[in-house]
Amino acid sequence: MTIKSVLVLPIAACCLATPMASATVAANGLFTDHTVLQRGKPCPVWGTATPNKTITVVFNGQAKTTTSDATGDWRLALDAMVAKAAGASMTLTEAGGNTLTIADVVVGDVWMCGGQSNMAVNLGTGHDDATVANYPGIRWMWVDNGGIFVAPDPLRSIKSTWKVCAPDNIGGFSAVAFYFARKIYLDQKAEIPIGLIGNSVGGTCIDPWLIQEGCTDIPALAPLYSQSVLPAGPFCLANTLTHPVSPFGVKGLIWYQGENRESTSQSADSYFLKEKALSQGFKRLFGSDDFAMYVVLLANLNPPPSGANVAPDMPGTHWADTRIQQVNVVGIPHAGVASAMDIGDAGNIHPENKLDVGERLALWALKNDYGRTTVVPCGPILRDVTVTGNKATCTFDYVGSGLMVGYKANYTATQHLTGGVLKRFSIAGATGTWYDATATIVGNAIELTCPSVAAPKKVAYACWDNSKDGLDPVTLKEGLLYNVDGLPANPFYVDDTSAKYSVTASTGANGSISPAGASTYLKRTAVAYTITPNSGYYIQDVFVDGTSIGSVKSYSFDPLYANHTIAATFAASAPSYTVTASASTGGGTISPSGAVSVNQGGARIFSITANGGNVATLMVDGQAMGQRKSFTFSDVIANHTLSAAFTCVLHAQAGYGGSISPNGTTLAPYGSSQTFTITPMPGYSVAKVMVDGTNVGAVTSHTISKLTSSHTITASFTGPGGGGSVPQQSQIIFSCLTDTLPASGAISSWPTDIPLGQSLAVIGSPSVEVIDTKKLEKNSNVAGDGFRYGGSYASAIACTGASIVVVAKPIRYGKGDNWQSLVDVFHDRLVLGILNGDGRICVRCNGTMDCSTAIIPEGQTTILSLVVQSNGTYKVYANSVEVMSNSTHSDMTALVPGVTGGARGYGSFINVGRNNPDGWTTYNGNIGDVFLYKTALSPSDRTLLEKHLATRLMSGPPR
């Protein structure tokens, strides 16, 4: 079954939608000059236009038309095309409107390039491969959402451009992706263009990259659906960097990730299960059961094992165990693993050699996707272990032309060490004590022995962070196991050579299953089975352990810990299935609804329409899919359920002087009631509460009953005010007032009040939000919104203590436990922040971080003051009340940039809203007036400034 979805924009990111043109046709951001379209399958093209207009797309001899819907969205599909290396124009025309021309469009294969920083590392321009990289059929696009890296629900569009591979722009290409594409492109004689779409983010775990649809039938991963998506939970990166690419035609994914493994572990094999879910998610999102996924086995890193008889780093250790689970990817249909464990760098998590990584990935694609069936795609993978007396015999798949002792130096062919000695094999007996094994190549097998092990019970190979370094290939001829094709054997760890499980495969007449019959596998092996009907017949049903799983074409057994059976039946007619679609009463509709019949392999689109500004959230087969406006089941091979629930969008805001709960944007079920609690700060009282523009009085609680549409509620407060001033102006490093912000929208810079005439340079995509008629700067991006003052500092700022006074309105982002910065001076010299997860205040003073026990309520506009004395002691005040203090820090007589031992080269900047180098720790919320002093404000001066800010917050509309 393939699930394919068309997505509704999440509420929190409404501003990111492709704007509906008032009278002009526009294409989705994936369609720019130099686009590569996927060959061999219908090619979706989509965008926006004037509502209810005829849209015509012309390309490659085809002319297709559709009509934009009531919101201006449109979509159509070009018929499947063969490869076309010569670029041609595509035109998009709106009836009675404009024509848009997209130049130099080609047809070939499109590959997603995902993972973390080792996939993101670009090729650069300073070496031979870059200077001769004139391959017009290879093209590159980074997925860009204006700096937005995470979102609670899937986004719909991107902002990006395609680039043609040429020496003058090759530097921005992913190095791994370039070498992958170049090998395929040249192998195919430049006749098939290769499009590369990069969507990798450094330092990320696999969980944020998972697609919700991919996890539905993996029970061990069910807990992911109850975890918070923000700030860095499951699905958040897929929502912003994968979903917007769909339904663009894509052939497969190359994936380089694992250094950071997973955010949370659900089982001993959960990293493998997440790789399986990743594969399934792409297949279902892009509607392609033959979607390929090729992953990189982690490179060698850190010192090698030292001395004799070093026990393998298993089980459960990070890199060794991650590699074992990565090897199991070969048990996923249309997937493979390319080893980098012999081409890394012991001292660099970002190894230089991306050439071999990319080309080894390409071997899998050449074999599976480009008809090169004789290509050996990877090194040996353990198939079985048998024990006879004191000898353990290991047999392998992917032996290729045979086994050899080898050694690989970067950028050279693997060296065959004739008469060499195999290293990094380990063996243990009943006591569990590990010893180095003598490994001998016998035909296509390896025999392991050790004088200290009379009866082998455990065997392992290369189960350390770094199994290559420390070998002597020259004098001692020490090497690792390779096949003669030059590819390294993959690591393995067998904790019980007798623990084996069988899978018995059987079929009825008129079809086959592979492997057939009874097969025995080692414990913790994943294995894929393929079901094929004879010509004129159809898969009728497939049963795993006696339970129907639908008429699947392939099935992957997760790492084995028990015996299993798989059986398939076939028939002369295709079965049909039922998708049961339902919607909650009121708030919108789903169409079609009820029991909908779909033939095997067929597709059905379900449209969800929410009324009155409401939104629809979907459940598919019992799992939450988030906000969607349509859902497509494609390649249907089982029954499904689809249910839509409609919720009303409620926007709540509080001005200075108190808080409202719940705060911000919340969803409430259609027909329910929602009570808001308004709480003034001490010394303040409620002035008025406005609901949809109507004053409901100075109430402390208000209930909106029987919700049928969206609402807005705001609370204003009154209290002591007047007076105040800005003291010690000669000691201000800078101050910024919200008066200077634009009335709304994005901010290109933030002019300072002092020093006059300067401004803060923008980082990311901050915008303006108006709360109780007051402008505040809004940070909604977990990964980068903020401002920078004054460029890079080369010398210290002399000071007599320091003070930060800032207006802040925090937003909770779930389980985020990193501290978040409001004002950051030189990374860790002086920082004031608020934890997104729970509202605690955080301070860094000369490198040390402290957190308060006091919290700032979500949505409460707060005047936050940090005053640091010359001796380093400090106090923090929230709305003039002391909430935090510390008396143990070093002197504060200078703010020193680039401090050794923490700033890591980033410590020469002063930022507002973002802390460097930890771009993940952006403050999420609103920031008002900001003051940074190079002196410790006295209590009277601090009070003057706080009164001044309170007066500004409670006075008339913004100037």
Foldseek 3Di string as FASTA:
>chain_A
DFWAAAFDADPLPVVLAQAADQADWDWFQQFAAQHEAEADAWFKTWGFHHAQWKKWKDDDHDIDIDTAHRRGIDMDTDGGHDWFLFFAWMWIDTVVGDIDIHTGYTYFAEEEEEAAVLQQQADAQPDDCLQAFQQQLEKEKEFARQQFQFDQAADAGTHIDIDGRHSVPRRRHRLLQVLLQVVVCVVVVVRGRYYYYYQYYHPAELQLQFAQQLCLPPVLCVVQQVAFNPDRGGPTRCRRGPLNCPLGDHQEYEYEYQPNYHPDDSDLLVSLVSVSSRVSNVCNNNVHPLHAYEYEQAAFEADADDDFQDDFPDDPDRNLSSLQSQCLQVQHPRYHYAYRHQQADHHDSNRPFSNSVNNLSNLSCCCRPVVPVLRLNAWWEWWAWDWDFQKIKTATPSLRPHKAFWHDYGPDFIDGLVVAFAWQKWWDEPVPRIGTWGWDGDTRMIMTGDPVHRTTFKIWGPRDSHDRPPDDCPPRNYGHMGRPVRHGYGIDIARGNPAKEKEAEEEDPFWDKPPHGIDIGGAQHKHKMAIGGHPQKAWAFKAKQRHTPFSDGMDMDGGDDYYIYMYTYMDNAWDKEWEAEEEDPAFWDKPPHGTDIATAQAKDKIFIDGPAAKFKWKAKQRGTNGTGGMIMDGRDGYYIYMYIFIWAWEAEAEFAFWFKPPHGIDTDGQQAKDKIFIGGDPQKFWQFKAKQRRTPGRDRMDMDGRDRYYIYMYTYMDGDADFFDQPPLVFFPWKFFQLQADPWAWGQWTATPPVHPFIWGWKRTWIWDAHPQEIWIFDAHLQIGWTWPDPFAPWKAFFQWKKKKWKFAAAASAPQDDWAFQKEAQQQQWTWTAGNHFAWIWIGHHRDIDTFPDGDDHNHTWTWMWFAGQQGWIFIDTLLHTGDTDDDDGGLRIRGHPDPDGSVPVRRIIMGQAGPPRSSRGGGGTIGMITIGRYGDDSVSVVSNSSVVVNVSNDDHRD
